[in-house]
Amino acid sequence: MQLSTTLSLLALSLLTACSSYAPPANVTSLTQAQLVAKMGPPDTVRQTASGTRLEFPRGPMGHHTWFVDVDGAGHIVQAEQVLTEGNFNLITPGMTQDEVRQRLGRPSETQGLGRARGVVWSYRYENYACQWFQVELSQEQQVRSTGYGQPPECLRNDNDILFP
């Protein structure tokens, strides 16, 4: 392969890898197409009563998820980082799995419960206590319980490295 072709391919791969982590501060001045060009394709696209909602999970191990609302004309209305304790506190027993997805987006991890009792969705988020929010869903895809726990990366004992 020629050097110029190799350099062109390298430059192209760098450009496509340069999607933004979060929406820009002036997000309402953008169209949906401009935002997708900056952030890359959304993970999920949902229809809302007033337009479309784009879901952008971000960050190492999923500590942020941005919901971006777009009006019928394709203009950005607002952007919100939804993985917050305020939003977690709105998740209550009896809610459906779809209602949880509409409020929090895709979970960081999903784990099945024994004896086919349902699943647990875990959401990593930015906090100082090294915890995640967990939602237990029944087989009927309804919230059974919620709570905070420690993700596996927080349970590591540094002494295990020296004294196995």
N, C-alpha and C. Protein backbone atom coordinates (compact mmCIF):
# COMPACT_ATOMS: atom_id res chain seq x y z
N MET A 1 0.85 -1.17 0.00
CA MET A 1 0.00 0.00 0.00
C MET A 1 0.90 1.24 0.00
N GLN A 2 0.50 2.22 -0.76
CA GLN A 2 1.28 3.45 -0.83
C GLN A 2 1.15 4.26 0.45
N LEU A 3 2.18 5.03 0.75
CA LEU A 3 2.19 5.85 1.95
C LEU A 3 1.02 6.82 1.97
N SER A 4 0.71 7.45 0.84
CA SER A 4 -0.39 8.42 0.80
C SER A 4 -1.74 7.76 1.09
N THR A 5 -1.94 6.54 0.60
CA THR A 5 -3.18 5.81 0.87
C THR A 5 -3.27 5.46 2.34
N THR A 6 -2.17 5.01 2.92
CA THR A 6 -2.13 4.66 4.34
C THR A 6 -2.44 5.87 5.20
N LEU A 7 -1.83 7.02 4.88
CA LEU A 7 -2.08 8.24 5.65
C LEU A 7 -3.53 8.69 5.51
N SER A 8 -4.09 8.56 4.32
CA SER A 8 -5.50 8.94 4.11
C SER A 8 -6.43 8.08 4.94
N LEU A 9 -6.17 6.76 4.97
CA LEU A 9 -7.00 5.86 5.77
C LEU A 9 -6.87 6.16 7.26
N LEU A 10 -5.65 6.47 7.69
CA LEU A 10 -5.43 6.82 9.09
C LEU A 10 -6.18 8.09 9.46
N ALA A 11 -6.12 9.10 8.62
CA ALA A 11 -6.81 10.36 8.87
C ALA A 11 -8.32 10.15 8.92
N LEU A 12 -8.85 9.34 8.00
CA LEU A 12 -10.27 9.06 7.98
C LEU A 12 -10.71 8.34 9.26
N SER A 13 -9.92 7.38 9.71
CA SER A 13 -10.29 6.66 10.93
C SER A 13 -10.24 7.57 12.14
N LEU A 14 -9.31 8.51 12.17
CA LEU A 14 -9.24 9.45 13.28
C LEU A 14 -10.44 10.40 13.28
N LEU A 15 -10.85 10.84 12.11
CA LEU A 15 -12.00 11.73 12.02
C LEU A 15 -13.28 11.05 12.48
N THR A 16 -13.48 9.80 12.10
CA THR A 16 -14.69 9.11 12.50
C THR A 16 -14.66 8.76 13.97
N ALA A 17 -13.49 8.67 14.57
CA ALA A 17 -13.38 8.34 15.99
C ALA A 17 -13.51 9.56 16.87
N CYS A 18 -13.63 10.73 16.30
CA CYS A 18 -13.64 11.97 17.07
C CYS A 18 -15.05 12.46 17.39
N SER A 19 -15.97 11.58 17.64
CA SER A 19 -17.30 12.04 18.01
C SER A 19 -17.24 12.64 19.41
N SER A 20 -18.10 13.61 19.63
CA SER A 20 -18.12 14.31 20.90
C SER A 20 -18.70 13.43 21.99
N TYR A 21 -18.21 13.65 23.22
CA TYR A 21 -18.70 12.90 24.38
C TYR A 21 -20.10 13.35 24.76
N ALA A 22 -20.31 14.65 24.81
CA ALA A 22 -21.58 15.23 25.24
C ALA A 22 -22.06 16.23 24.20
N PRO A 23 -23.33 16.55 24.21
CA PRO A 23 -23.81 17.59 23.30
C PRO A 23 -23.13 18.92 23.61
N PRO A 24 -22.92 19.76 22.61
CA PRO A 24 -22.32 21.07 22.86
C PRO A 24 -23.25 21.96 23.68
N ALA A 25 -22.69 22.98 24.30
CA ALA A 25 -23.46 23.89 25.16
C ALA A 25 -24.59 24.57 24.39
N ASN A 26 -24.37 24.89 23.14
CA ASN A 26 -25.38 25.58 22.33
C ASN A 26 -26.20 24.58 21.51
N VAL A 27 -26.60 23.49 22.14
CA VAL A 27 -27.24 22.39 21.44
C VAL A 27 -28.52 22.81 20.71
N THR A 28 -29.25 23.79 21.23
CA THR A 28 -30.52 24.18 20.60
C THR A 28 -30.32 24.92 19.29
N SER A 29 -29.09 25.28 18.96
CA SER A 29 -28.83 25.93 17.67
C SER A 29 -28.55 24.91 16.58
N LEU A 30 -28.58 23.63 16.92
CA LEU A 30 -28.24 22.58 15.96
C LEU A 30 -29.48 21.85 15.45
N THR A 31 -29.30 21.21 14.30
CA THR A 31 -30.31 20.29 13.80
C THR A 31 -29.91 18.88 14.22
N GLN A 32 -30.82 17.94 14.07
CA GLN A 32 -30.52 16.55 14.40
C GLN A 32 -29.34 16.05 13.57
N ALA A 33 -29.31 16.37 12.30
CA ALA A 33 -28.22 15.91 11.43
C ALA A 33 -26.87 16.46 11.91
N GLN A 34 -26.82 17.73 12.31
CA GLN A 34 -25.58 18.33 12.80
C GLN A 34 -25.13 17.67 14.11
N LEU A 35 -26.08 17.39 15.00
CA LEU A 35 -25.74 16.75 16.27
C LEU A 35 -25.19 15.34 16.03
N VAL A 36 -25.83 14.58 15.16
CA VAL A 36 -25.36 13.23 14.87
C VAL A 36 -23.97 13.28 14.22
N ALA A 37 -23.71 14.29 13.40
CA ALA A 37 -22.38 14.44 12.81
C ALA A 37 -21.33 14.70 13.90
N LYS A 38 -21.70 15.40 14.98
CA LYS A 38 -20.77 15.70 16.07
C LYS A 38 -20.64 14.53 17.06
N MET A 39 -21.76 13.87 17.38
CA MET A 39 -21.75 12.86 18.45
C MET A 39 -21.74 11.42 17.95
N GLY A 40 -21.98 11.23 16.67
CA GLY A 40 -22.11 9.88 16.15
C GLY A 40 -23.56 9.44 16.25
N PRO A 41 -23.86 8.25 15.74
CA PRO A 41 -25.25 7.80 15.75
C PRO A 41 -25.73 7.49 17.17
N PRO A 42 -27.01 7.79 17.45
CA PRO A 42 -27.55 7.47 18.78
C PRO A 42 -27.72 5.97 18.96
N ASP A 43 -27.73 5.53 20.20
CA ASP A 43 -27.95 4.12 20.52
C ASP A 43 -29.41 3.74 20.27
N THR A 44 -30.32 4.65 20.64
CA THR A 44 -31.75 4.40 20.51
C THR A 44 -32.43 5.67 20.01
N VAL A 45 -33.44 5.51 19.17
CA VAL A 45 -34.27 6.62 18.70
C VAL A 45 -35.71 6.28 19.05
N ARG A 46 -36.37 7.18 19.78
CA ARG A 46 -37.77 6.97 20.19
C ARG A 46 -38.64 8.11 19.66
N GLN A 47 -39.85 7.78 19.28
CA GLN A 47 -40.82 8.80 18.90
C GLN A 47 -41.47 9.32 20.16
N THR A 48 -41.63 10.63 20.26
CA THR A 48 -42.32 11.26 21.38
C THR A 48 -43.53 12.03 20.84
N ALA A 49 -44.33 12.57 21.73
CA ALA A 49 -45.52 13.32 21.31
C ALA A 49 -45.15 14.54 20.48
N SER A 50 -43.97 15.12 20.76
CA SER A 50 -43.59 16.35 20.05
C SER A 50 -42.45 16.17 19.06
N GLY A 51 -42.00 14.95 18.84
CA GLY A 51 -40.91 14.74 17.89
C GLY A 51 -40.18 13.43 18.13
N THR A 52 -38.88 13.54 18.38
CA THR A 52 -38.01 12.37 18.51
C THR A 52 -37.08 12.55 19.70
N ARG A 53 -36.75 11.46 20.37
CA ARG A 53 -35.75 11.47 21.44
C ARG A 53 -34.59 10.57 21.02
N LEU A 54 -33.37 11.14 21.06
CA LEU A 54 -32.16 10.40 20.74
C LEU A 54 -31.46 10.04 22.04
N GLU A 55 -30.98 8.81 22.15
CA GLU A 55 -30.31 8.34 23.36
C GLU A 55 -28.84 8.08 23.05
N PHE A 56 -27.96 8.74 23.82
CA PHE A 56 -26.51 8.61 23.65
C PHE A 56 -25.86 8.14 24.95
N PRO A 57 -25.73 6.83 25.18
CA PRO A 57 -24.97 6.38 26.36
C PRO A 57 -23.50 6.74 26.16
N ARG A 58 -22.84 7.22 27.21
CA ARG A 58 -21.46 7.67 27.07
C ARG A 58 -20.62 7.26 28.27
N GLY A 59 -19.34 7.43 28.08
CA GLY A 59 -18.39 7.32 29.18
C GLY A 59 -17.86 5.93 29.42
N PRO A 60 -16.73 5.89 30.07
CA PRO A 60 -16.18 4.59 30.42
C PRO A 60 -17.16 3.86 31.34
N MET A 61 -17.55 2.70 30.92
CA MET A 61 -18.47 1.85 31.68
C MET A 61 -19.83 2.51 31.87
N GLY A 62 -20.19 3.44 31.01
CA GLY A 62 -21.55 3.98 30.96
C GLY A 62 -21.97 4.89 32.08
N HIS A 63 -21.15 5.83 32.50
CA HIS A 63 -21.50 6.73 33.60
C HIS A 63 -22.44 7.87 33.22
N HIS A 64 -22.67 8.09 31.95
CA HIS A 64 -23.54 9.17 31.49
C HIS A 64 -24.40 8.66 30.34
N THR A 65 -25.63 9.11 30.30
CA THR A 65 -26.51 8.88 29.16
C THR A 65 -27.22 10.20 28.87
N TRP A 66 -27.07 10.66 27.63
CA TRP A 66 -27.70 11.91 27.21
C TRP A 66 -28.96 11.59 26.42
N PHE A 67 -30.06 12.24 26.78
CA PHE A 67 -31.29 12.22 26.00
C PHE A 67 -31.36 13.57 25.29
N VAL A 68 -31.53 13.55 23.99
CA VAL A 68 -31.64 14.77 23.21
C VAL A 68 -32.99 14.76 22.51
N ASP A 69 -33.81 15.77 22.78
CA ASP A 69 -35.14 15.86 22.18
C ASP A 69 -35.08 16.73 20.93
N VAL A 70 -35.73 16.24 19.88
CA VAL A 70 -35.73 16.90 18.57
C VAL A 70 -37.18 17.15 18.18
N ASP A 71 -37.48 18.36 17.70
CA ASP A 71 -38.86 18.66 17.29
C ASP A 71 -39.16 18.07 15.91
N GLY A 72 -40.38 18.24 15.46
CA GLY A 72 -40.81 17.68 14.19
C GLY A 72 -40.06 18.22 12.99
N ALA A 73 -39.48 19.41 13.12
CA ALA A 73 -38.72 20.02 12.02
C ALA A 73 -37.25 19.60 12.03
N GLY A 74 -36.85 18.79 13.01
CA GLY A 74 -35.47 18.32 13.05
C GLY A 74 -34.52 19.21 13.84
N HIS A 75 -35.06 20.14 14.64
CA HIS A 75 -34.23 21.04 15.45
C HIS A 75 -34.17 20.54 16.89
N ILE A 76 -33.01 20.68 17.51
CA ILE A 76 -32.81 20.23 18.88
C ILE A 76 -33.57 21.16 19.83
N VAL A 77 -34.33 20.56 20.73
CA VAL A 77 -35.10 21.32 21.71
C VAL A 77 -34.36 21.38 23.04
N GLN A 78 -33.82 20.22 23.48
CA GLN A 78 -33.09 20.17 24.75
C GLN A 78 -32.24 18.92 24.81
N ALA A 79 -31.27 18.95 25.72
CA ALA A 79 -30.43 17.78 26.00
C ALA A 79 -30.33 17.64 27.51
N GLU A 80 -30.39 16.39 27.99
CA GLU A 80 -30.34 16.14 29.43
C GLU A 80 -29.53 14.89 29.71
N GLN A 81 -28.64 14.97 30.70
CA GLN A 81 -27.92 13.80 31.19
C GLN A 81 -28.83 13.17 32.22
N VAL A 82 -29.31 11.92 31.95
CA VAL A 82 -30.40 11.35 32.74
C VAL A 82 -29.96 10.42 33.87
N LEU A 83 -28.70 10.03 33.93
CA LEU A 83 -28.27 9.13 35.00
C LEU A 83 -27.95 9.95 36.26
N THR A 84 -29.02 10.31 36.97
CA THR A 84 -28.90 11.12 38.19
C THR A 84 -29.75 10.49 39.28
N GLU A 85 -29.40 10.76 40.52
CA GLU A 85 -30.17 10.23 41.64
C GLU A 85 -31.60 10.77 41.62
N GLY A 86 -31.80 11.98 41.15
CA GLY A 86 -33.15 12.52 41.02
C GLY A 86 -34.01 11.66 40.11
N ASN A 87 -33.47 11.25 38.97
CA ASN A 87 -34.21 10.37 38.06
C ASN A 87 -34.35 8.96 38.63
N PHE A 88 -33.31 8.47 39.31
CA PHE A 88 -33.40 7.14 39.90
C PHE A 88 -34.54 7.07 40.92
N ASN A 89 -34.71 8.15 41.69
CA ASN A 89 -35.73 8.18 42.72
C ASN A 89 -37.16 8.18 42.16
N LEU A 90 -37.28 8.42 40.86
CA LEU A 90 -38.59 8.39 40.21
C LEU A 90 -38.98 6.99 39.75
N ILE A 91 -38.06 6.04 39.83
CA ILE A 91 -38.34 4.66 39.44
C ILE A 91 -38.94 3.95 40.65
N THR A 92 -40.18 3.47 40.51
CA THR A 92 -40.91 2.88 41.64
C THR A 92 -41.46 1.51 41.27
N PRO A 93 -41.68 0.67 42.27
CA PRO A 93 -42.28 -0.64 42.02
C PRO A 93 -43.60 -0.51 41.25
N GLY A 94 -43.78 -1.41 40.30
CA GLY A 94 -44.98 -1.40 39.47
C GLY A 94 -44.78 -0.77 38.11
N MET A 95 -43.74 0.07 37.95
CA MET A 95 -43.46 0.66 36.64
C MET A 95 -43.08 -0.45 35.67
N THR A 96 -43.31 -0.21 34.39
CA THR A 96 -42.95 -1.20 33.39
C THR A 96 -41.49 -1.04 32.98
N GLN A 97 -40.97 -2.09 32.40
CA GLN A 97 -39.60 -2.08 31.87
C GLN A 97 -39.44 -0.95 30.86
N ASP A 98 -40.43 -0.74 30.01
CA ASP A 98 -40.36 0.31 29.00
C ASP A 98 -40.34 1.70 29.65
N GLU A 99 -41.08 1.88 30.73
CA GLU A 99 -41.06 3.18 31.43
C GLU A 99 -39.68 3.46 32.01
N VAL A 100 -39.01 2.44 32.50
CA VAL A 100 -37.65 2.61 33.02
C VAL A 100 -36.71 3.00 31.89
N ARG A 101 -36.80 2.31 30.75
CA ARG A 101 -35.95 2.65 29.60
C ARG A 101 -36.20 4.07 29.13
N GLN A 102 -37.46 4.51 29.15
CA GLN A 102 -37.77 5.87 28.71
C GLN A 102 -37.23 6.92 29.66
N ARG A 103 -37.04 6.58 30.94
CA ARG A 103 -36.54 7.53 31.92
C ARG A 103 -35.02 7.50 32.04
N LEU A 104 -34.41 6.27 31.95
CA LEU A 104 -32.97 6.12 32.21
C LEU A 104 -32.15 5.64 31.03
N GLY A 105 -32.80 5.14 30.01
CA GLY A 105 -32.05 4.61 28.87
C GLY A 105 -31.57 3.18 29.11
N ARG A 106 -30.62 2.78 28.30
CA ARG A 106 -30.08 1.42 28.34
C ARG A 106 -29.24 1.23 29.60
N PRO A 107 -29.42 0.09 30.31
CA PRO A 107 -28.60 -0.16 31.51
C PRO A 107 -27.15 -0.48 31.14
N SER A 108 -26.25 -0.23 32.10
CA SER A 108 -24.84 -0.59 31.91
C SER A 108 -24.66 -2.09 31.85
N GLU A 109 -25.40 -2.80 32.70
CA GLU A 109 -25.33 -4.26 32.75
C GLU A 109 -26.71 -4.83 33.03
N THR A 110 -26.91 -6.05 32.54
CA THR A 110 -28.15 -6.79 32.80
C THR A 110 -27.76 -8.16 33.32
N GLN A 111 -28.39 -8.58 34.40
CA GLN A 111 -28.07 -9.87 35.00
C GLN A 111 -29.38 -10.62 35.30
N GLY A 112 -29.45 -11.88 34.85
CA GLY A 112 -30.62 -12.69 35.12
C GLY A 112 -30.65 -13.15 36.57
N LEU A 113 -31.85 -13.29 37.11
CA LEU A 113 -32.02 -13.79 38.47
C LEU A 113 -32.26 -15.31 38.42
N GLY A 114 -31.87 -16.00 39.46
CA GLY A 114 -32.05 -17.44 39.54
C GLY A 114 -33.51 -17.86 39.46
N ARG A 115 -33.71 -19.07 39.02
CA ARG A 115 -35.05 -19.65 38.88
C ARG A 115 -35.98 -18.80 38.02
N ALA A 116 -35.39 -18.14 37.02
CA ALA A 116 -36.16 -17.34 36.06
C ALA A 116 -37.09 -16.34 36.75
N ARG A 117 -36.60 -15.71 37.81
CA ARG A 117 -37.41 -14.73 38.56
C ARG A 117 -37.43 -13.36 37.92
N GLY A 118 -36.63 -13.13 36.91
CA GLY A 118 -36.57 -11.83 36.27
C GLY A 118 -35.13 -11.43 36.02
N VAL A 119 -34.88 -10.12 35.97
CA VAL A 119 -33.55 -9.59 35.70
C VAL A 119 -33.28 -8.38 36.59
N VAL A 120 -32.00 -8.06 36.71
CA VAL A 120 -31.57 -6.84 37.39
C VAL A 120 -30.85 -5.98 36.37
N TRP A 121 -31.30 -4.74 36.25
CA TRP A 121 -30.62 -3.76 35.41
C TRP A 121 -29.78 -2.88 36.32
N SER A 122 -28.52 -2.69 35.95
CA SER A 122 -27.61 -1.86 36.75
C SER A 122 -27.18 -0.66 35.92
N TYR A 123 -27.21 0.50 36.56
CA TYR A 123 -26.84 1.76 35.92
C TYR A 123 -25.66 2.38 36.66
N ARG A 124 -24.51 2.43 36.02
CA ARG A 124 -23.38 3.17 36.59
C ARG A 124 -23.67 4.66 36.39
N TYR A 125 -23.20 5.46 37.31
CA TYR A 125 -23.38 6.91 37.18
C TYR A 125 -22.28 7.60 37.97
N GLU A 126 -22.10 8.87 37.69
CA GLU A 126 -21.04 9.64 38.33
C GLU A 126 -21.44 9.94 39.77
N ASN A 127 -20.62 9.46 40.73
CA ASN A 127 -20.86 9.71 42.14
C ASN A 127 -19.56 9.46 42.90
N TYR A 128 -19.52 9.90 44.15
CA TYR A 128 -18.29 9.78 44.95
C TYR A 128 -18.26 8.52 45.80
N ALA A 129 -19.34 7.76 45.83
CA ALA A 129 -19.42 6.60 46.71
C ALA A 129 -19.11 5.29 45.99
N CYS A 130 -18.78 5.34 44.71
CA CYS A 130 -18.55 4.14 43.90
C CYS A 130 -19.73 3.19 44.06
N GLN A 131 -20.87 3.64 43.57
CA GLN A 131 -22.08 2.82 43.62
C GLN A 131 -22.80 2.89 42.29
N TRP A 132 -23.72 1.99 42.10
CA TRP A 132 -24.59 2.03 40.94
C TRP A 132 -26.02 1.86 41.39
N PHE A 133 -26.93 2.24 40.51
CA PHE A 133 -28.36 2.11 40.78
C PHE A 133 -28.83 0.83 40.11
N GLN A 134 -29.65 0.05 40.84
CA GLN A 134 -30.12 -1.22 40.30
C GLN A 134 -31.64 -1.30 40.33
N VAL A 135 -32.19 -1.88 39.28
CA VAL A 135 -33.62 -2.06 39.13
C VAL A 135 -33.89 -3.55 38.96
N GLU A 136 -34.67 -4.12 39.86
CA GLU A 136 -35.06 -5.53 39.73
C GLU A 136 -36.39 -5.59 38.98
N LEU A 137 -36.40 -6.32 37.87
CA LEU A 137 -37.59 -6.46 37.03
C LEU A 137 -38.11 -7.89 37.13
N SER A 138 -39.41 -8.02 37.29
CA SER A 138 -40.04 -9.34 37.38
C SER A 138 -40.14 -9.97 35.99
N GLN A 139 -40.58 -11.23 35.95
CA GLN A 139 -40.82 -11.90 34.68
C GLN A 139 -41.88 -11.16 33.86
N GLU A 140 -42.76 -10.46 34.53
CA GLU A 140 -43.81 -9.68 33.85
C GLU A 140 -43.29 -8.33 33.36
N GLN A 141 -41.98 -8.10 33.48
CA GLN A 141 -41.31 -6.88 33.03
C GLN A 141 -41.82 -5.64 33.77
N GLN A 142 -42.01 -5.81 35.09
CA GLN A 142 -42.38 -4.69 35.94
C GLN A 142 -41.35 -4.56 37.05
N VAL A 143 -41.15 -3.32 37.50
CA VAL A 143 -40.19 -3.07 38.58
C VAL A 143 -40.69 -3.74 39.85
N ARG A 144 -39.83 -4.59 40.43
CA ARG A 144 -40.15 -5.23 41.71
C ARG A 144 -39.52 -4.42 42.85
N SER A 145 -38.27 -3.97 42.64
CA SER A 145 -37.59 -3.18 43.66
C SER A 145 -36.45 -2.40 43.01
N THR A 146 -35.94 -1.42 43.75
CA THR A 146 -34.79 -0.63 43.30
C THR A 146 -33.85 -0.44 44.48
N GLY A 147 -32.62 -0.06 44.19
CA GLY A 147 -31.68 0.23 45.27
C GLY A 147 -30.30 0.57 44.72
N TYR A 148 -29.43 0.92 45.64
CA TYR A 148 -28.05 1.26 45.29
C TYR A 148 -27.14 0.15 45.79
N GLY A 149 -26.13 -0.16 45.03
CA GLY A 149 -25.16 -1.17 45.43
C GLY A 149 -23.79 -0.82 44.90
N GLN A 150 -22.83 -1.71 45.15
CA GLN A 150 -21.47 -1.49 44.67
C GLN A 150 -21.22 -2.35 43.44
N PRO A 151 -20.75 -1.71 42.35
CA PRO A 151 -20.40 -2.48 41.16
C PRO A 151 -19.15 -3.32 41.42
N PRO A 152 -18.92 -4.35 40.63
CA PRO A 152 -17.79 -5.25 40.87
C PRO A 152 -16.44 -4.56 40.95
N GLU A 153 -16.24 -3.50 40.16
CA GLU A 153 -14.93 -2.83 40.18
C GLU A 153 -14.65 -2.15 41.51
N CYS A 154 -15.67 -1.91 42.32
CA CYS A 154 -15.48 -1.27 43.62
C CYS A 154 -15.22 -2.28 44.74
N LEU A 155 -15.44 -3.53 44.47
CA LEU A 155 -15.30 -4.57 45.49
C LEU A 155 -13.89 -5.15 45.54
N ARG A 156 -13.01 -4.68 44.67
CA ARG A 156 -11.65 -5.20 44.61
C ARG A 156 -10.90 -4.89 45.91
N ASN A 157 -10.18 -5.86 46.43
CA ASN A 157 -9.36 -5.67 47.62
C ASN A 157 -7.91 -5.53 47.17
N ASP A 158 -7.32 -4.36 47.36
CA ASP A 158 -5.94 -4.12 46.92
C ASP A 158 -4.95 -5.05 47.58
N ASN A 159 -5.27 -5.58 48.76
CA ASN A 159 -4.38 -6.52 49.42
C ASN A 159 -4.27 -7.84 48.65
N ASP A 160 -5.27 -8.17 47.85
CA ASP A 160 -5.23 -9.40 47.07
C ASP A 160 -4.09 -9.39 46.07
N ILE A 161 -3.67 -8.21 45.66
CA ILE A 161 -2.57 -8.11 44.71
C ILE A 161 -1.27 -8.54 45.35
N LEU A 162 -1.06 -8.17 46.60
CA LEU A 162 0.18 -8.51 47.29
C LEU A 162 0.13 -9.86 48.00
N PHE A 163 -1.04 -10.20 48.54
CA PHE A 163 -1.16 -11.41 49.33
C PHE A 163 -2.35 -12.25 48.83
N PRO A 164 -2.17 -13.00 47.76
CA PRO A 164 -3.29 -13.75 47.20
C PRO A 164 -3.77 -14.85 48.12
